[in-house]
N, C-alpha and C. Protein backbone atom coordinates (compact mmCIF):
# COMPACT_ATOMS: atom_id res chain seq x y z
N MET A 1 -1.60 6.36 6.87
CA MET A 1 -0.21 5.98 6.77
C MET A 1 -0.07 4.64 6.03
N LEU A 2 -0.96 3.70 6.32
CA LEU A 2 -0.91 2.41 5.65
C LEU A 2 -1.21 2.55 4.16
N ALA A 3 -2.18 3.39 3.82
CA ALA A 3 -2.51 3.61 2.40
C ALA A 3 -1.29 4.15 1.67
N ARG A 4 -0.59 5.09 2.27
CA ARG A 4 0.61 5.65 1.64
C ARG A 4 1.71 4.60 1.49
N HIS A 5 1.91 3.80 2.52
CA HIS A 5 2.96 2.78 2.49
C HIS A 5 2.67 1.74 1.41
N GLU A 6 1.45 1.25 1.35
CA GLU A 6 1.12 0.22 0.37
C GLU A 6 1.22 0.75 -1.06
N THR A 7 0.82 2.00 -1.27
CA THR A 7 0.96 2.61 -2.60
C THR A 7 2.43 2.66 -2.99
N ALA A 8 3.28 3.06 -2.07
CA ALA A 8 4.72 3.13 -2.36
C ALA A 8 5.28 1.75 -2.67
N GLU A 9 4.87 0.74 -1.93
CA GLU A 9 5.33 -0.62 -2.23
C GLU A 9 4.87 -1.05 -3.62
N GLU A 10 3.64 -0.75 -3.95
CA GLU A 10 3.12 -1.15 -5.26
C GLU A 10 3.88 -0.47 -6.39
N MET A 11 4.33 0.74 -6.16
CA MET A 11 5.04 1.49 -7.21
C MET A 11 6.51 1.11 -7.31
N ILE A 12 7.15 0.81 -6.20
CA ILE A 12 8.61 0.61 -6.18
C ILE A 12 8.99 -0.86 -5.99
N VAL A 13 8.43 -1.51 -5.01
CA VAL A 13 8.85 -2.86 -4.66
C VAL A 13 8.30 -3.91 -5.63
N ARG A 14 7.01 -3.83 -5.95
CA ARG A 14 6.43 -4.86 -6.81
C ARG A 14 7.12 -4.99 -8.17
N PRO A 15 7.49 -3.90 -8.85
CA PRO A 15 8.22 -4.08 -10.11
C PRO A 15 9.56 -4.81 -9.93
N LEU A 16 10.26 -4.56 -8.84
CA LEU A 16 11.50 -5.29 -8.56
C LEU A 16 11.22 -6.77 -8.33
N THR A 17 10.17 -7.06 -7.61
CA THR A 17 9.81 -8.44 -7.32
C THR A 17 9.49 -9.18 -8.61
N ARG A 18 8.78 -8.53 -9.51
CA ARG A 18 8.39 -9.17 -10.78
C ARG A 18 9.61 -9.56 -11.63
N LYS A 19 10.73 -8.88 -11.45
CA LYS A 19 11.95 -9.18 -12.22
C LYS A 19 12.64 -10.46 -11.77
N ALA A 20 12.36 -10.89 -10.55
CA ALA A 20 13.02 -12.08 -9.99
C ALA A 20 12.35 -13.35 -10.52
N PRO A 21 13.08 -14.45 -10.59
CA PRO A 21 12.48 -15.72 -10.99
C PRO A 21 11.34 -16.08 -10.03
N GLY A 22 10.17 -16.34 -10.57
CA GLY A 22 8.99 -16.63 -9.75
C GLY A 22 8.38 -15.40 -9.11
N GLY A 23 8.91 -14.25 -9.44
CA GLY A 23 8.46 -13.01 -8.81
C GLY A 23 7.06 -12.57 -9.19
N ASP A 24 6.61 -12.90 -10.39
CA ASP A 24 5.25 -12.51 -10.80
C ASP A 24 4.22 -13.07 -9.83
N ARG A 25 4.36 -14.34 -9.49
CA ARG A 25 3.41 -14.99 -8.58
C ARG A 25 3.43 -14.32 -7.20
N VAL A 26 4.62 -14.05 -6.71
CA VAL A 26 4.77 -13.41 -5.40
C VAL A 26 4.18 -12.00 -5.43
N ALA A 27 4.52 -11.23 -6.46
CA ALA A 27 4.02 -9.85 -6.57
C ALA A 27 2.50 -9.83 -6.68
N GLU A 28 1.95 -10.74 -7.47
CA GLU A 28 0.49 -10.78 -7.62
C GLU A 28 -0.20 -11.10 -6.30
N GLY A 29 0.38 -11.99 -5.53
CA GLY A 29 -0.20 -12.31 -4.22
C GLY A 29 -0.24 -11.10 -3.31
N ARG A 30 0.86 -10.35 -3.29
CA ARG A 30 0.89 -9.16 -2.43
C ARG A 30 -0.06 -8.08 -2.97
N MET A 31 -0.14 -7.93 -4.29
CA MET A 31 -1.05 -6.94 -4.87
C MET A 31 -2.50 -7.28 -4.53
N GLU A 32 -2.87 -8.56 -4.60
CA GLU A 32 -4.23 -8.96 -4.23
C GLU A 32 -4.53 -8.58 -2.79
N GLU A 33 -3.59 -8.85 -1.90
CA GLU A 33 -3.79 -8.50 -0.49
C GLU A 33 -3.93 -6.99 -0.32
N GLU A 34 -3.09 -6.24 -1.01
CA GLU A 34 -3.14 -4.77 -0.89
C GLU A 34 -4.43 -4.21 -1.48
N ASN A 35 -4.90 -4.78 -2.57
CA ASN A 35 -6.15 -4.31 -3.15
C ASN A 35 -7.33 -4.60 -2.22
N GLU A 36 -7.31 -5.76 -1.56
CA GLU A 36 -8.34 -6.05 -0.57
C GLU A 36 -8.24 -5.07 0.60
N ALA A 37 -7.02 -4.74 1.01
CA ALA A 37 -6.83 -3.81 2.12
C ALA A 37 -7.38 -2.44 1.78
N LYS A 38 -7.20 -1.98 0.53
CA LYS A 38 -7.74 -0.69 0.12
C LYS A 38 -9.26 -0.66 0.26
N GLU A 39 -9.89 -1.77 -0.13
CA GLU A 39 -11.35 -1.86 -0.01
C GLU A 39 -11.78 -1.74 1.45
N VAL A 40 -11.10 -2.47 2.32
CA VAL A 40 -11.47 -2.46 3.74
C VAL A 40 -11.16 -1.09 4.36
N LEU A 41 -10.01 -0.51 4.03
CA LEU A 41 -9.67 0.81 4.56
C LEU A 41 -10.71 1.85 4.16
N ALA A 42 -11.13 1.81 2.90
CA ALA A 42 -12.15 2.75 2.43
C ALA A 42 -13.46 2.55 3.20
N LYS A 43 -13.79 1.29 3.46
CA LYS A 43 -15.00 0.97 4.23
C LYS A 43 -14.87 1.48 5.67
N LEU A 44 -13.70 1.24 6.28
CA LEU A 44 -13.47 1.69 7.65
C LEU A 44 -13.57 3.21 7.78
N GLU A 45 -13.05 3.92 6.79
CA GLU A 45 -13.10 5.39 6.85
C GLU A 45 -14.53 5.92 6.93
N LYS A 46 -15.48 5.17 6.41
CA LYS A 46 -16.89 5.61 6.39
C LYS A 46 -17.67 5.19 7.62
N MET A 47 -17.07 4.35 8.45
CA MET A 47 -17.77 3.82 9.62
C MET A 47 -17.62 4.71 10.85
N ASP A 48 -18.56 4.58 11.74
CA ASP A 48 -18.49 5.23 13.05
C ASP A 48 -17.48 4.44 13.88
N VAL A 49 -16.41 5.11 14.31
CA VAL A 49 -15.35 4.40 15.04
C VAL A 49 -15.82 3.81 16.37
N ASP A 50 -16.96 4.26 16.86
CA ASP A 50 -17.48 3.74 18.12
C ASP A 50 -18.44 2.57 17.92
N SER A 51 -18.66 2.17 16.67
CA SER A 51 -19.62 1.10 16.40
C SER A 51 -18.98 -0.28 16.56
N ALA A 52 -19.82 -1.25 16.85
CA ALA A 52 -19.37 -2.64 16.94
C ALA A 52 -18.87 -3.12 15.58
N GLU A 53 -19.51 -2.66 14.50
CA GLU A 53 -19.10 -3.06 13.15
C GLU A 53 -17.67 -2.59 12.87
N PHE A 54 -17.35 -1.36 13.28
CA PHE A 54 -15.99 -0.86 13.08
C PHE A 54 -15.00 -1.73 13.85
N THR A 55 -15.32 -2.03 15.10
CA THR A 55 -14.41 -2.82 15.93
C THR A 55 -14.15 -4.20 15.32
N SER A 56 -15.19 -4.88 14.90
CA SER A 56 -14.99 -6.22 14.35
C SER A 56 -14.28 -6.15 13.00
N THR A 57 -14.64 -5.18 12.16
CA THR A 57 -13.99 -5.04 10.85
C THR A 57 -12.52 -4.69 11.05
N PHE A 58 -12.23 -3.81 11.99
CA PHE A 58 -10.85 -3.42 12.25
C PHE A 58 -10.03 -4.59 12.78
N GLN A 59 -10.61 -5.40 13.65
CA GLN A 59 -9.90 -6.56 14.17
C GLN A 59 -9.53 -7.53 13.05
N GLU A 60 -10.46 -7.79 12.14
CA GLU A 60 -10.19 -8.65 10.99
C GLU A 60 -9.12 -8.03 10.09
N PHE A 61 -9.24 -6.72 9.89
CA PHE A 61 -8.29 -6.00 9.04
C PHE A 61 -6.88 -6.06 9.65
N ARG A 62 -6.80 -5.87 10.94
CA ARG A 62 -5.51 -5.94 11.63
C ARG A 62 -4.84 -7.29 11.38
N GLN A 63 -5.61 -8.35 11.49
CA GLN A 63 -5.06 -9.69 11.26
C GLN A 63 -4.59 -9.86 9.82
N SER A 64 -5.35 -9.34 8.85
CA SER A 64 -4.94 -9.46 7.45
C SER A 64 -3.68 -8.66 7.16
N VAL A 65 -3.52 -7.51 7.82
CA VAL A 65 -2.30 -6.71 7.65
C VAL A 65 -1.09 -7.46 8.21
N LEU A 66 -1.26 -8.09 9.36
CA LEU A 66 -0.17 -8.88 9.95
C LEU A 66 0.19 -10.06 9.05
N GLU A 67 -0.81 -10.71 8.47
CA GLU A 67 -0.55 -11.83 7.56
C GLU A 67 0.15 -11.35 6.28
N HIS A 68 -0.25 -10.18 5.79
CA HIS A 68 0.39 -9.58 4.61
C HIS A 68 1.87 -9.29 4.89
N ALA A 69 2.13 -8.70 6.03
CA ALA A 69 3.52 -8.39 6.40
C ALA A 69 4.34 -9.67 6.54
N ALA A 70 3.75 -10.70 7.10
CA ALA A 70 4.45 -11.99 7.24
C ALA A 70 4.75 -12.59 5.87
N ALA A 71 3.82 -12.47 4.93
CA ALA A 71 4.03 -12.99 3.58
C ALA A 71 5.15 -12.22 2.88
N GLU A 72 5.21 -10.91 3.10
CA GLU A 72 6.32 -10.13 2.53
C GLU A 72 7.65 -10.61 3.10
N GLU A 73 7.70 -10.78 4.41
CA GLU A 73 8.94 -11.21 5.08
C GLU A 73 9.34 -12.63 4.66
N ARG A 74 8.37 -13.49 4.48
CA ARG A 74 8.64 -14.89 4.16
C ARG A 74 8.92 -15.11 2.67
N ASP A 75 8.14 -14.48 1.78
CA ASP A 75 8.19 -14.78 0.36
C ASP A 75 8.87 -13.72 -0.49
N GLU A 76 8.56 -12.46 -0.22
CA GLU A 76 9.01 -11.40 -1.12
C GLU A 76 10.41 -10.87 -0.80
N PHE A 77 10.65 -10.52 0.43
CA PHE A 77 11.93 -9.90 0.75
C PHE A 77 13.13 -10.83 0.54
N PRO A 78 13.03 -12.11 0.91
CA PRO A 78 14.16 -13.00 0.59
C PRO A 78 14.40 -13.11 -0.93
N LEU A 79 13.32 -13.15 -1.70
CA LEU A 79 13.43 -13.20 -3.15
C LEU A 79 14.16 -11.96 -3.68
N LEU A 80 13.82 -10.80 -3.12
CA LEU A 80 14.49 -9.56 -3.53
C LEU A 80 15.97 -9.57 -3.13
N ARG A 81 16.26 -10.00 -1.91
CA ARG A 81 17.66 -10.04 -1.47
C ARG A 81 18.50 -11.00 -2.32
N GLN A 82 17.90 -12.10 -2.77
CA GLN A 82 18.63 -13.08 -3.57
C GLN A 82 18.83 -12.64 -5.02
N ASN A 83 17.96 -11.77 -5.52
CA ASN A 83 17.95 -11.46 -6.95
C ASN A 83 18.16 -9.99 -7.29
N THR A 84 18.45 -9.16 -6.29
CA THR A 84 18.64 -7.74 -6.52
C THR A 84 19.92 -7.32 -5.81
N ASP A 85 20.76 -6.58 -6.51
CA ASP A 85 22.02 -6.20 -5.86
C ASP A 85 21.76 -5.20 -4.73
N ALA A 86 22.68 -5.17 -3.79
CA ALA A 86 22.53 -4.37 -2.57
C ALA A 86 22.31 -2.89 -2.87
N ASP A 87 23.03 -2.36 -3.87
CA ASP A 87 22.88 -0.94 -4.22
C ASP A 87 21.47 -0.65 -4.71
N ALA A 88 20.91 -1.54 -5.53
CA ALA A 88 19.55 -1.36 -6.02
C ALA A 88 18.53 -1.42 -4.89
N LEU A 89 18.78 -2.27 -3.90
CA LEU A 89 17.88 -2.35 -2.75
C LEU A 89 17.91 -1.07 -1.92
N VAL A 90 19.10 -0.50 -1.75
CA VAL A 90 19.21 0.77 -1.01
C VAL A 90 18.47 1.87 -1.77
N LYS A 91 18.66 1.92 -3.08
CA LYS A 91 17.96 2.91 -3.90
C LYS A 91 16.45 2.71 -3.82
N ALA A 92 16.01 1.46 -3.84
CA ALA A 92 14.58 1.17 -3.74
C ALA A 92 14.02 1.64 -2.39
N ARG A 93 14.78 1.40 -1.33
CA ARG A 93 14.34 1.85 0.00
C ARG A 93 14.15 3.37 0.01
N ASP A 94 15.10 4.10 -0.57
CA ASP A 94 15.00 5.55 -0.61
C ASP A 94 13.82 6.01 -1.48
N ARG A 95 13.60 5.30 -2.58
CA ARG A 95 12.47 5.63 -3.47
C ARG A 95 11.14 5.35 -2.78
N VAL A 96 11.07 4.29 -1.97
CA VAL A 96 9.85 4.00 -1.21
C VAL A 96 9.54 5.15 -0.26
N LYS A 97 10.56 5.64 0.43
CA LYS A 97 10.35 6.76 1.37
C LYS A 97 9.83 8.00 0.64
N ARG A 98 10.40 8.29 -0.53
CA ARG A 98 9.93 9.44 -1.31
C ARG A 98 8.51 9.22 -1.82
N ALA A 99 8.24 8.01 -2.26
CA ALA A 99 6.89 7.70 -2.76
C ALA A 99 5.86 7.80 -1.65
N GLU A 100 6.22 7.37 -0.45
CA GLU A 100 5.29 7.48 0.69
C GLU A 100 4.96 8.95 0.97
N ALA A 101 5.95 9.80 0.85
CA ALA A 101 5.74 11.22 1.13
C ALA A 101 4.79 11.87 0.12
N MET A 102 4.74 11.32 -1.09
CA MET A 102 3.92 11.92 -2.14
C MET A 102 2.63 11.15 -2.41
N ALA A 103 2.46 9.98 -1.81
CA ALA A 103 1.32 9.11 -2.10
C ALA A 103 0.02 9.69 -1.53
N PRO A 104 -1.10 9.22 -2.07
CA PRO A 104 -2.40 9.61 -1.51
C PRO A 104 -2.48 9.24 -0.03
N THR A 105 -3.21 10.05 0.72
CA THR A 105 -3.32 9.82 2.16
C THR A 105 -4.54 8.97 2.53
N HIS A 106 -5.34 8.63 1.54
CA HIS A 106 -6.53 7.79 1.75
C HIS A 106 -6.47 6.63 0.76
N PRO A 107 -7.16 5.54 1.08
CA PRO A 107 -7.16 4.40 0.15
C PRO A 107 -7.95 4.73 -1.11
N HIS A 108 -7.47 4.23 -2.23
CA HIS A 108 -8.16 4.39 -3.51
C HIS A 108 -8.28 3.01 -4.15
N PRO A 109 -9.39 2.31 -3.82
CA PRO A 109 -9.56 0.94 -4.29
C PRO A 109 -9.52 0.77 -5.81
N SER A 110 -9.78 1.83 -6.55
CA SER A 110 -9.75 1.69 -8.01
C SER A 110 -8.32 1.61 -8.56
N ALA A 111 -7.33 2.00 -7.79
CA ALA A 111 -5.92 1.91 -8.22
C ALA A 111 -5.41 0.52 -7.88
N LYS A 112 -5.64 -0.42 -8.79
CA LYS A 112 -5.35 -1.82 -8.53
C LYS A 112 -4.02 -2.29 -9.12
N THR A 113 -3.33 -1.43 -9.84
CA THR A 113 -2.08 -1.83 -10.49
C THR A 113 -0.99 -0.79 -10.23
N THR A 114 0.24 -1.18 -10.49
CA THR A 114 1.36 -0.25 -10.38
C THR A 114 1.13 0.94 -11.32
N ALA A 115 0.71 0.65 -12.55
CA ALA A 115 0.48 1.72 -13.53
C ALA A 115 -0.60 2.69 -13.05
N ALA A 116 -1.68 2.16 -12.47
CA ALA A 116 -2.75 3.03 -11.97
C ALA A 116 -2.25 3.94 -10.87
N ASN A 117 -1.35 3.44 -10.03
CA ASN A 117 -0.79 4.28 -8.97
C ASN A 117 0.03 5.42 -9.57
N TYR A 118 0.78 5.14 -10.62
CA TYR A 118 1.58 6.19 -11.25
C TYR A 118 0.71 7.21 -11.98
N VAL A 119 -0.34 6.74 -12.64
CA VAL A 119 -1.19 7.64 -13.43
C VAL A 119 -2.11 8.46 -12.53
N ALA A 120 -2.83 7.80 -11.65
CA ALA A 120 -3.85 8.48 -10.84
C ALA A 120 -3.32 8.98 -9.50
N GLY A 121 -2.21 8.41 -9.05
CA GLY A 121 -1.70 8.73 -7.71
C GLY A 121 -1.46 10.19 -7.44
N PRO A 122 -0.74 10.91 -8.30
CA PRO A 122 -0.48 12.33 -8.00
C PRO A 122 -1.76 13.16 -7.87
N PHE A 123 -2.72 12.91 -8.74
CA PHE A 123 -3.98 13.65 -8.67
C PHE A 123 -4.75 13.28 -7.41
N ALA A 124 -4.80 11.98 -7.10
CA ALA A 124 -5.48 11.52 -5.90
C ALA A 124 -4.81 12.09 -4.65
N ALA A 125 -3.48 12.13 -4.65
CA ALA A 125 -2.75 12.68 -3.50
C ALA A 125 -3.09 14.16 -3.29
N MET A 126 -3.16 14.91 -4.39
CA MET A 126 -3.51 16.33 -4.29
C MET A 126 -4.91 16.49 -3.70
N LEU A 127 -5.87 15.71 -4.19
CA LEU A 127 -7.24 15.80 -3.67
C LEU A 127 -7.30 15.37 -2.21
N ASP A 128 -6.58 14.30 -1.86
CA ASP A 128 -6.57 13.83 -0.47
C ASP A 128 -6.02 14.90 0.46
N ARG A 129 -4.94 15.53 0.07
CA ARG A 129 -4.33 16.55 0.94
C ARG A 129 -5.24 17.77 1.08
N ALA A 130 -5.95 18.11 0.03
CA ALA A 130 -6.91 19.22 0.11
C ALA A 130 -8.05 18.83 1.05
N LYS A 131 -8.53 17.60 0.92
CA LYS A 131 -9.59 17.10 1.81
C LYS A 131 -9.12 17.10 3.26
N ASP A 132 -7.88 16.63 3.48
CA ASP A 132 -7.33 16.58 4.84
C ASP A 132 -7.20 17.99 5.41
N ALA A 133 -6.74 18.93 4.61
CA ALA A 133 -6.60 20.32 5.09
C ALA A 133 -7.96 20.90 5.43
N PHE A 134 -8.93 20.64 4.59
CA PHE A 134 -10.26 21.16 4.83
C PHE A 134 -10.85 20.55 6.10
N SER A 135 -10.66 19.25 6.29
CA SER A 135 -11.18 18.56 7.47
C SER A 135 -10.51 19.04 8.75
N SER A 136 -9.20 19.28 8.69
CA SER A 136 -8.48 19.70 9.90
C SER A 136 -8.72 21.16 10.25
N SER A 137 -9.26 21.92 9.30
CA SER A 137 -9.52 23.34 9.57
C SER A 137 -10.79 23.53 10.37
N GLY A 138 -11.54 22.40 10.59
CA GLY A 138 -12.75 22.49 11.39
C GLY A 138 -13.95 22.92 10.57
N SER A 139 -13.80 23.01 9.28
CA SER A 139 -14.91 23.42 8.41
C SER A 139 -15.80 22.28 8.07
């Protein structure tokens, strides 16, 4: 769910942020955090959930996700509210929901940019959903 949410933000929210004065710096900060999160999520997916390594990695990851959300609330969202009209924000919210529904279900650390999410995202999402279906079928 987090991988899908962050992909949607990278595709919809970050371009809006970049349009605001000082938005490039803010968007880049959030993209760096999200790219680090993709790396950790991919690592966590490969770990034994009962291992001490998983527990400690997950605890660190949890803290970084909370810090990322706080940075969005403190730096990005006020910037968007000040520099984006209300109608555009509502449309962006709806686009984020649609993007989440179509985004890959697993982290893809190689998709480090908005453009990479648009180019590789649909194919990655199709492969992820096939993998998920195969895994849930007990095969």
